[in-house]
Amino acid sequence: MECGTQSGNCPIDELGLKPEERYAFDLLRKGAEAFYELEPQHPDEMRNFTDALHRLQDLFALRAMRRAFPAGWKTYDLTRDQEGN
């Protein structure tokens, strides 16, 4: 079983993320740090970026919630759905 599969046995870190999720999360963080170094071009730009960043962080949090509380946070077998079954 791969670490990324729902039934895979993977180490979970202090954020509740699997290794491949943490890798993506860290890339998001690095990208955000780089964006915040840019000179703003519009008064709302940084607020808009921060709002978008928080939405992405929400998606990572939902992945951890689905694992911790599967009865309340539904997960779908998308590989099965893609095969038309």
PDB file of N, CA and C in Angstrom:
ATOM      1  N   MET A   1       0.838  -1.178   0.000  1.00  0.00           N
ATOM      2  CA  MET A   1       0.000   0.000   0.000  1.00  0.00           C
ATOM      3  C   MET A   1       0.881   1.239   0.000  1.00  0.00           C
ATOM      4  N   GLU A   2       0.573   2.202  -0.836  1.00  0.00           N
ATOM      5  CA  GLU A   2       1.333   3.445  -0.863  1.00  0.00           C
ATOM      6  C   GLU A   2       0.954   4.327   0.320  1.00  0.00           C
ATOM      7  N   CYS A   3       1.860   5.197   0.692  1.00  0.00           N
ATOM      8  CA  CYS A   3       1.607   6.092   1.813  1.00  0.00           C
ATOM      9  C   CYS A   3       0.426   7.015   1.504  1.00  0.00           C
ATOM     10  N   GLY A   4       0.244   7.376   0.262  1.00  0.00           N
ATOM     11  CA  GLY A   4      -0.810   8.319  -0.093  1.00  0.00           C
ATOM     12  C   GLY A   4      -2.193   7.722  -0.170  1.00  0.00           C
ATOM     13  N   THR A   5      -2.332   6.417  -0.057  1.00  0.00           N
ATOM     14  CA  THR A   5      -3.652   5.810  -0.146  1.00  0.00           C
ATOM     15  C   THR A   5      -4.341   5.875   1.204  1.00  0.00           C
ATOM     16  N   GLN A   6      -5.651   5.829   1.174  1.00  0.00           N
ATOM     17  CA  GLN A   6      -6.434   5.983   2.390  1.00  0.00           C
ATOM     18  C   GLN A   6      -6.112   4.918   3.427  1.00  0.00           C
ATOM     19  N   SER A   7      -5.864   3.707   2.985  1.00  0.00           N
ATOM     20  CA  SER A   7      -5.590   2.638   3.931  1.00  0.00           C
ATOM     21  C   SER A   7      -4.098   2.422   4.171  1.00  0.00           C
ATOM     22  N   GLY A   8      -3.252   3.271   3.561  1.00  0.00           N
ATOM     23  CA  GLY A   8      -1.820   3.142   3.761  1.00  0.00           C
ATOM     24  C   GLY A   8      -1.416   3.483   5.193  1.00  0.00           C
ATOM     25  N   ASN A   9      -0.358   2.859   5.677  1.00  0.00           N
ATOM     26  CA  ASN A   9       0.120   3.112   7.024  1.00  0.00           C
ATOM     27  C   ASN A   9       1.259   4.113   6.930  1.00  0.00           C
ATOM     28  N   CYS A  10       0.973   5.371   7.260  1.00  0.00           N
ATOM     29  CA  CYS A  10       1.956   6.440   7.103  1.00  0.00           C
ATOM     30  C   CYS A  10       2.166   7.174   8.414  1.00  0.00           C
ATOM     31  N   PRO A  11       3.368   7.653   8.627  1.00  0.00           N
ATOM     32  CA  PRO A  11       3.580   8.498   9.792  1.00  0.00           C
ATOM     33  C   PRO A  11       2.858   9.830   9.605  1.00  0.00           C
ATOM     34  N   ILE A  12       2.241  10.297  10.656  1.00  0.00           N
ATOM     35  CA  ILE A  12       1.552  11.580  10.635  1.00  0.00           C
ATOM     36  C   ILE A  12       2.377  12.544  11.478  1.00  0.00           C
ATOM     37  N   ASP A  13       2.608  13.756  10.961  1.00  0.00           N
ATOM     38  CA  ASP A  13       3.433  14.707  11.697  1.00  0.00           C
ATOM     39  C   ASP A  13       2.600  15.531  12.681  1.00  0.00           C
ATOM     40  N   GLU A  14       3.244  16.501  13.310  1.00  0.00           N
ATOM     41  CA  GLU A  14       2.584  17.310  14.336  1.00  0.00           C
ATOM     42  C   GLU A  14       1.453  18.177  13.782  1.00  0.00           C
ATOM     43  N   LEU A  15       1.395  18.363  12.469  1.00  0.00           N
ATOM     44  CA  LEU A  15       0.296  19.099  11.842  1.00  0.00           C
ATOM     45  C   LEU A  15      -0.842  18.175  11.420  1.00  0.00           C
ATOM     46  N   GLY A  16      -0.635  16.867  11.592  1.00  0.00           N
ATOM     47  CA  GLY A  16      -1.637  15.898  11.168  1.00  0.00           C
ATOM     48  C   GLY A  16      -1.519  15.534   9.703  1.00  0.00           C
ATOM     49  N   LEU A  17      -0.364  15.840   9.100  1.00  0.00           N
ATOM     50  CA  LEU A  17      -0.165  15.613   7.671  1.00  0.00           C
ATOM     51  C   LEU A  17       0.724  14.404   7.409  1.00  0.00           C
ATOM     52  N   LYS A  18       0.443  13.723   6.309  1.00  0.00           N
ATOM     53  CA  LYS A  18       1.312  12.649   5.825  1.00  0.00           C
ATOM     54  C   LYS A  18       2.547  13.286   5.185  1.00  0.00           C
ATOM     55  N   PRO A  19       3.602  12.524   4.978  1.00  0.00           N
ATOM     56  CA  PRO A  19       4.837  13.101   4.413  1.00  0.00           C
ATOM     57  C   PRO A  19       4.634  13.848   3.091  1.00  0.00           C
ATOM     58  N   GLU A  20       3.863  13.272   2.180  1.00  0.00           N
ATOM     59  CA  GLU A  20       3.675  13.950   0.890  1.00  0.00           C
ATOM     60  C   GLU A  20       2.818  15.204   1.028  1.00  0.00           C
ATOM     61  N   GLU A  21       1.918  15.223   2.006  1.00  0.00           N
ATOM     62  CA  GLU A  21       1.128  16.425   2.266  1.00  0.00           C
ATOM     63  C   GLU A  21       2.010  17.501   2.893  1.00  0.00           C
ATOM     64  N   ARG A  22       2.877  17.085   3.811  1.00  0.00           N
ATOM     65  CA  ARG A  22       3.779  18.043   4.463  1.00  0.00           C
ATOM     66  C   ARG A  22       4.727  18.661   3.451  1.00  0.00           C
ATOM     67  N   TYR A  23       5.176  17.856   2.489  1.00  0.00           N
ATOM     68  CA  TYR A  23       6.053  18.372   1.433  1.00  0.00           C
ATOM     69  C   TYR A  23       5.335  19.484   0.666  1.00  0.00           C
ATOM     70  N   ALA A  24       4.084  19.230   0.270  1.00  0.00           N
ATOM     71  CA  ALA A  24       3.314  20.237  -0.466  1.00  0.00           C
ATOM     72  C   ALA A  24       3.041  21.457   0.413  1.00  0.00           C
ATOM     73  N   PHE A  25       2.737  21.233   1.687  1.00  0.00           N
ATOM     74  CA  PHE A  25       2.483  22.328   2.617  1.00  0.00           C
ATOM     75  C   PHE A  25       3.721  23.210   2.770  1.00  0.00           C
ATOM     76  N   ASP A  26       4.890  22.582   2.883  1.00  0.00           N
ATOM     77  CA  ASP A  26       6.142  23.339   3.011  1.00  0.00           C
ATOM     78  C   ASP A  26       6.437  24.149   1.751  1.00  0.00           C
ATOM     79  N   LEU A  27       6.121  23.584   0.578  1.00  0.00           N
ATOM     80  CA  LEU A  27       6.289  24.352  -0.659  1.00  0.00           C
ATOM     81  C   LEU A  27       5.360  25.557  -0.679  1.00  0.00           C
ATOM     82  N   LEU A  28       4.138  25.372  -0.214  1.00  0.00           N
ATOM     83  CA  LEU A  28       3.187  26.483  -0.122  1.00  0.00           C
ATOM     84  C   LEU A  28       3.736  27.575   0.797  1.00  0.00           C
ATOM     85  N   ARG A  29       4.275  27.165   1.935  1.00  0.00           N
ATOM     86  CA  ARG A  29       4.849  28.124   2.881  1.00  0.00           C
ATOM     87  C   ARG A  29       6.011  28.895   2.251  1.00  0.00           C
ATOM     88  N   LYS A  30       6.884  28.178   1.558  1.00  0.00           N
ATOM     89  CA  LYS A  30       8.026  28.833   0.914  1.00  0.00           C
ATOM     90  C   LYS A  30       7.559  29.796  -0.175  1.00  0.00           C
ATOM     91  N   GLY A  31       6.551  29.398  -0.927  1.00  0.00           N
ATOM     92  CA  GLY A  31       5.993  30.277  -1.952  1.00  0.00           C
ATOM     93  C   GLY A  31       5.380  31.525  -1.348  1.00  0.00           C
ATOM     94  N   ALA A  32       4.692  31.349  -0.231  1.00  0.00           N
ATOM     95  CA  ALA A  32       4.082  32.497   0.444  1.00  0.00           C
ATOM     96  C   ALA A  32       5.158  33.453   0.952  1.00  0.00           C
ATOM     97  N   GLU A  33       6.203  32.901   1.537  1.00  0.00           N
ATOM     98  CA  GLU A  33       7.295  33.745   2.021  1.00  0.00           C
ATOM     99  C   GLU A  33       7.904  34.554   0.876  1.00  0.00           C
ATOM    100  N   ALA A  34       8.075  33.918  -0.271  1.00  0.00           N
ATOM    101  CA  ALA A  34       8.631  34.622  -1.439  1.00  0.00           C
ATOM    102  C   ALA A  34       7.675  35.704  -1.931  1.00  0.00           C
ATOM    103  N   PHE A  35       6.379  35.406  -1.936  1.00  0.00           N
ATOM    104  CA  PHE A  35       5.400  36.396  -2.408  1.00  0.00           C
ATOM    105  C   PHE A  35       5.387  37.619  -1.489  1.00  0.00           C
ATOM    106  N   TYR A  36       5.471  37.389  -0.191  1.00  0.00           N
ATOM    107  CA  TYR A  36       5.453  38.508   0.751  1.00  0.00           C
ATOM    108  C   TYR A  36       6.681  39.403   0.629  1.00  0.00           C
ATOM    109  N   GLU A  37       7.723  38.918  -0.021  1.00  0.00           N
ATOM    110  CA  GLU A  37       8.913  39.743  -0.276  1.00  0.00           C
ATOM    111  C   GLU A  37       8.715  40.696  -1.460  1.00  0.00           C
ATOM    112  N   LEU A  38       7.704  40.429  -2.282  1.00  0.00           N
ATOM    113  CA  LEU A  38       7.446  41.269  -3.459  1.00  0.00           C
ATOM    114  C   LEU A  38       6.861  42.617  -3.055  1.00  0.00           C
ATOM    115  N   GLU A  39       7.136  43.609  -3.869  1.00  0.00           N
ATOM    116  CA  GLU A  39       6.548  44.934  -3.671  1.00  0.00           C
ATOM    117  C   GLU A  39       5.092  44.887  -4.132  1.00  0.00           C
ATOM    118  N   PRO A  40       4.144  45.247  -3.271  1.00  0.00           N
ATOM    119  CA  PRO A  40       2.735  45.221  -3.685  1.00  0.00           C
ATOM    120  C   PRO A  40       2.472  46.169  -4.861  1.00  0.00           C
ATOM    121  N   GLN A  41       1.560  45.760  -5.729  1.00  0.00           N
ATOM    122  CA  GLN A  41       1.171  46.572  -6.878  1.00  0.00           C
ATOM    123  C   GLN A  41      -0.219  47.174  -6.705  1.00  0.00           C
ATOM    124  N   HIS A  42      -0.916  46.762  -5.666  1.00  0.00           N
ATOM    125  CA  HIS A  42      -2.287  47.221  -5.439  1.00  0.00           C
ATOM    126  C   HIS A  42      -2.536  47.214  -3.935  1.00  0.00           C
ATOM    127  N   PRO A  43      -3.338  48.150  -3.417  1.00  0.00           N
ATOM    128  CA  PRO A  43      -3.571  48.207  -1.968  1.00  0.00           C
ATOM    129  C   PRO A  43      -4.176  46.924  -1.376  1.00  0.00           C
ATOM    130  N   ASP A  44      -4.932  46.172  -2.151  1.00  0.00           N
ATOM    131  CA  ASP A  44      -5.590  44.970  -1.654  1.00  0.00           C
ATOM    132  C   ASP A  44      -4.795  43.694  -1.902  1.00  0.00           C
ATOM    133  N   GLU A  45      -3.676  43.811  -2.603  1.00  0.00           N
ATOM    134  CA  GLU A  45      -2.961  42.622  -3.053  1.00  0.00           C
ATOM    135  C   GLU A  45      -2.551  41.683  -1.919  1.00  0.00           C
ATOM    136  N   MET A  46      -1.948  42.196  -0.877  1.00  0.00           N
ATOM    137  CA  MET A  46      -1.468  41.335   0.206  1.00  0.00           C
ATOM    138  C   MET A  46      -2.635  40.718   0.974  1.00  0.00           C
ATOM    139  N   ARG A  47      -3.703  41.478   1.195  1.00  0.00           N
ATOM    140  CA  ARG A  47      -4.878  40.919   1.864  1.00  0.00           C
ATOM    141  C   ARG A  47      -5.492  39.812   1.013  1.00  0.00           C
ATOM    142  N   ASN A  48      -5.593  40.046  -0.304  1.00  0.00           N
ATOM    143  CA  ASN A  48      -6.139  39.023  -1.196  1.00  0.00           C
ATOM    144  C   ASN A  48      -5.269  37.772  -1.208  1.00  0.00           C
ATOM    145  N   PHE A  49      -3.960  37.965  -1.218  1.00  0.00           N
ATOM    146  CA  PHE A  49      -3.052  36.821  -1.197  1.00  0.00           C
ATOM    147  C   PHE A  49      -3.202  36.048   0.113  1.00  0.00           C
ATOM    148  N   THR A  50      -3.259  36.773   1.218  1.00  0.00           N
ATOM    149  CA  THR A  50      -3.401  36.128   2.518  1.00  0.00           C
ATOM    150  C   THR A  50      -4.710  35.353   2.601  1.00  0.00           C
ATOM    151  N   ASP A  51      -5.794  35.915   2.082  1.00  0.00           N
ATOM    152  CA  ASP A  51      -7.073  35.199   2.054  1.00  0.00           C
ATOM    153  C   ASP A  51      -6.959  33.909   1.250  1.00  0.00           C
ATOM    154  N   ALA A  52      -6.304  33.977   0.091  1.00  0.00           N
ATOM    155  CA  ALA A  52      -6.127  32.793  -0.751  1.00  0.00           C
ATOM    156  C   ALA A  52      -5.230  31.764  -0.050  1.00  0.00           C
ATOM    157  N   LEU A  53      -4.191  32.221   0.597  1.00  0.00           N
ATOM    158  CA  LEU A  53      -3.291  31.330   1.333  1.00  0.00           C
ATOM    159  C   LEU A  53      -4.045  30.611   2.443  1.00  0.00           C
ATOM    160  N   HIS A  54      -4.883  31.337   3.149  1.00  0.00           N
ATOM    161  CA  HIS A  54      -5.659  30.709   4.221  1.00  0.00           C
ATOM    162  C   HIS A  54      -6.629  29.674   3.670  1.00  0.00           C
ATOM    163  N   ARG A  55      -7.187  29.903   2.512  1.00  0.00           N
ATOM    164  CA  ARG A  55      -8.080  28.912   1.886  1.00  0.00           C
ATOM    165  C   ARG A  55      -7.309  27.626   1.576  1.00  0.00           C
ATOM    166  N   LEU A  56      -6.084  27.772   1.065  1.00  0.00           N
ATOM    167  CA  LEU A  56      -5.254  26.599   0.799  1.00  0.00           C
ATOM    168  C   LEU A  56      -4.882  25.877   2.089  1.00  0.00           C
ATOM    169  N   GLN A  57      -4.581  26.622   3.139  1.00  0.00           N
ATOM    170  CA  GLN A  57      -4.286  25.999   4.426  1.00  0.00           C
ATOM    171  C   GLN A  57      -5.511  25.241   4.942  1.00  0.00           C
ATOM    172  N   ASP A  58      -6.702  25.782   4.692  1.00  0.00           N
ATOM    173  CA  ASP A  58      -7.936  25.092   5.078  1.00  0.00           C
ATOM    174  C   ASP A  58      -8.028  23.718   4.425  1.00  0.00           C
ATOM    175  N   LEU A  59      -7.612  23.619   3.159  1.00  0.00           N
ATOM    176  CA  LEU A  59      -7.672  22.339   2.455  1.00  0.00           C
ATOM    177  C   LEU A  59      -6.737  21.309   3.076  1.00  0.00           C
ATOM    178  N   PHE A  60      -5.570  21.747   3.509  1.00  0.00           N
ATOM    179  CA  PHE A  60      -4.657  20.836   4.206  1.00  0.00           C
ATOM    180  C   PHE A  60      -5.264  20.405   5.537  1.00  0.00           C
ATOM    181  N   ALA A  61      -5.883  21.336   6.254  1.00  0.00           N
ATOM    182  CA  ALA A  61      -6.508  21.012   7.542  1.00  0.00           C
ATOM    183  C   ALA A  61      -7.641  20.005   7.350  1.00  0.00           C
ATOM    184  N   LEU A  62      -8.403  20.146   6.285  1.00  0.00           N
ATOM    185  CA  LEU A  62      -9.489  19.204   6.019  1.00  0.00           C
ATOM    186  C   LEU A  62      -8.974  17.788   5.779  1.00  0.00           C
ATOM    187  N   ARG A  63      -7.829  17.669   5.148  1.00  0.00           N
ATOM    188  CA  ARG A  63      -7.251  16.333   4.934  1.00  0.00           C
ATOM    189  C   ARG A  63      -6.965  15.664   6.278  1.00  0.00           C
ATOM    190  N   ALA A  64      -6.404  16.430   7.216  1.00  0.00           N
ATOM    191  CA  ALA A  64      -6.132  15.886   8.545  1.00  0.00           C
ATOM    192  C   ALA A  64      -7.439  15.566   9.274  1.00  0.00           C
ATOM    193  N   MET A  65      -8.444  16.411   9.145  1.00  0.00           N
ATOM    194  CA  MET A  65      -9.740  16.178   9.788  1.00  0.00           C
ATOM    195  C   MET A  65     -10.404  14.914   9.251  1.00  0.00           C
ATOM    196  N   ARG A  66     -10.335  14.707   7.937  1.00  0.00           N
ATOM    197  CA  ARG A  66     -10.940  13.510   7.350  1.00  0.00           C
ATOM    198  C   ARG A  66     -10.306  12.234   7.904  1.00  0.00           C
ATOM    199  N   ARG A  67      -9.000  12.285   8.129  1.00  0.00           N
ATOM    200  CA  ARG A  67      -8.316  11.120   8.701  1.00  0.00           C
ATOM    201  C   ARG A  67      -8.694  10.927  10.160  1.00  0.00           C
ATOM    202  N   ALA A  68      -8.747  12.023  10.923  1.00  0.00           N
ATOM    203  CA  ALA A  68      -9.004  11.939  12.361  1.00  0.00           C
ATOM    204  C   ALA A  68     -10.462  11.621  12.678  1.00  0.00           C
ATOM    205  N   PHE A  69     -11.373  12.130  11.844  1.00  0.00           N
ATOM    206  CA  PHE A  69     -12.809  11.976  12.105  1.00  0.00           C
ATOM    207  C   PHE A  69     -13.542  11.557  10.840  1.00  0.00           C
ATOM    208  N   PRO A  70     -13.290  10.347  10.343  1.00  0.00           N
ATOM    209  CA  PRO A  70     -13.869   9.920   9.068  1.00  0.00           C
ATOM    210  C   PRO A  70     -15.394   9.848   9.064  1.00  0.00           C
ATOM    211  N   ALA A  71     -16.015   9.670  10.210  1.00  0.00           N
ATOM    212  CA  ALA A  71     -17.483   9.585  10.238  1.00  0.00           C
ATOM    213  C   ALA A  71     -18.125  10.927   9.914  1.00  0.00           C
ATOM    214  N   GLY A  72     -17.469  11.994  10.272  1.00  0.00           N
ATOM    215  CA  GLY A  72     -18.041  13.323  10.046  1.00  0.00           C
ATOM    216  C   GLY A  72     -17.507  14.053   8.831  1.00  0.00           C
ATOM    217  N   TRP A  73     -16.408  13.578   8.275  1.00  0.00           N
ATOM    218  CA  TRP A  73     -15.748  14.257   7.159  1.00  0.00           C
ATOM    219  C   TRP A  73     -15.501  13.214   6.077  1.00  0.00           C
ATOM    220  N   LYS A  74     -16.435  13.094   5.151  1.00  0.00           N
ATOM    221  CA  LYS A  74     -16.456  12.048   4.130  1.00  0.00           C
ATOM    222  C   LYS A  74     -15.240  12.116   3.214  1.00  0.00           C
ATOM    223  N   THR A  75     -14.682  10.943   2.923  1.00  0.00           N
ATOM    224  CA  THR A  75     -13.613  10.777   1.939  1.00  0.00           C
ATOM    225  C   THR A  75     -14.126   9.824   0.869  1.00  0.00           C
ATOM    226  N   TYR A  76     -13.808  10.117  -0.381  1.00  0.00           N
ATOM    227  CA  TYR A  76     -14.267   9.314  -1.507  1.00  0.00           C
ATOM    228  C   TYR A  76     -13.096   8.591  -2.154  1.00  0.00           C
ATOM    229  N   ASP A  77     -13.351   7.404  -2.679  1.00  0.00           N
ATOM    230  CA  ASP A  77     -12.355   6.658  -3.437  1.00  0.00           C
ATOM    231  C   ASP A  77     -12.409   7.168  -4.874  1.00  0.00           C
ATOM    232  N   LEU A  78     -11.607   8.172  -5.181  1.00  0.00           N
ATOM    233  CA  LEU A  78     -11.644   8.809  -6.495  1.00  0.00           C
ATOM    234  C   LEU A  78     -11.072   7.927  -7.593  1.00  0.00           C
ATOM    235  N   THR A  79     -10.185   7.005  -7.266  1.00  0.00           N
ATOM    236  CA  THR A  79      -9.661   6.101  -8.297  1.00  0.00           C
ATOM    237  C   THR A  79     -10.783   5.207  -8.802  1.00  0.00           C
ATOM    238  N   ARG A  80     -11.636   4.788  -7.909  1.00  0.00           N
ATOM    239  CA  ARG A  80     -12.785   3.968  -8.321  1.00  0.00           C
ATOM    240  C   ARG A  80     -13.763   4.804  -9.140  1.00  0.00           C
ATOM    241  N   ASP A  81     -14.021   6.039  -8.724  1.00  0.00           N
ATOM    242  CA  ASP A  81     -14.930   6.917  -9.447  1.00  0.00           C
ATOM    243  C   ASP A  81     -14.425   7.198 -10.871  1.00  0.00           C
ATOM    244  N   GLN A  82     -13.123   7.340 -11.021  1.00  0.00           N
ATOM    245  CA  GLN A  82     -12.554   7.645 -12.340  1.00  0.00           C
ATOM    246  C   GLN A  82     -12.646   6.481 -13.295  1.00  0.00           C
ATOM    247  N   GLU A  83     -12.728   5.275 -12.770  1.00  0.00           N
ATOM    248  CA  GLU A  83     -12.822   4.084 -13.607  1.00  0.00           C
ATOM    249  C   GLU A  83     -14.255   3.837 -14.065  1.00  0.00           C
ATOM    250  N   GLY A  84     -15.190   4.678 -13.641  1.00  0.00           N
ATOM    251  CA  GLY A  84     -16.566   4.532 -14.053  1.00  0.00           C
ATOM    252  C   GLY A  84     -17.352   3.523 -13.260  1.00  0.00           C
ATOM    253  N   ASN A  85     -16.873   3.114 -12.114  1.00  0.00           N
ATOM    254  CA  ASN A  85     -17.561   2.128 -11.269  1.00  0.00           C
ATOM    255  C   ASN A  85     -18.376   2.831 -10.204  1.00  0.00           C
TER     256      ASN A  85
END
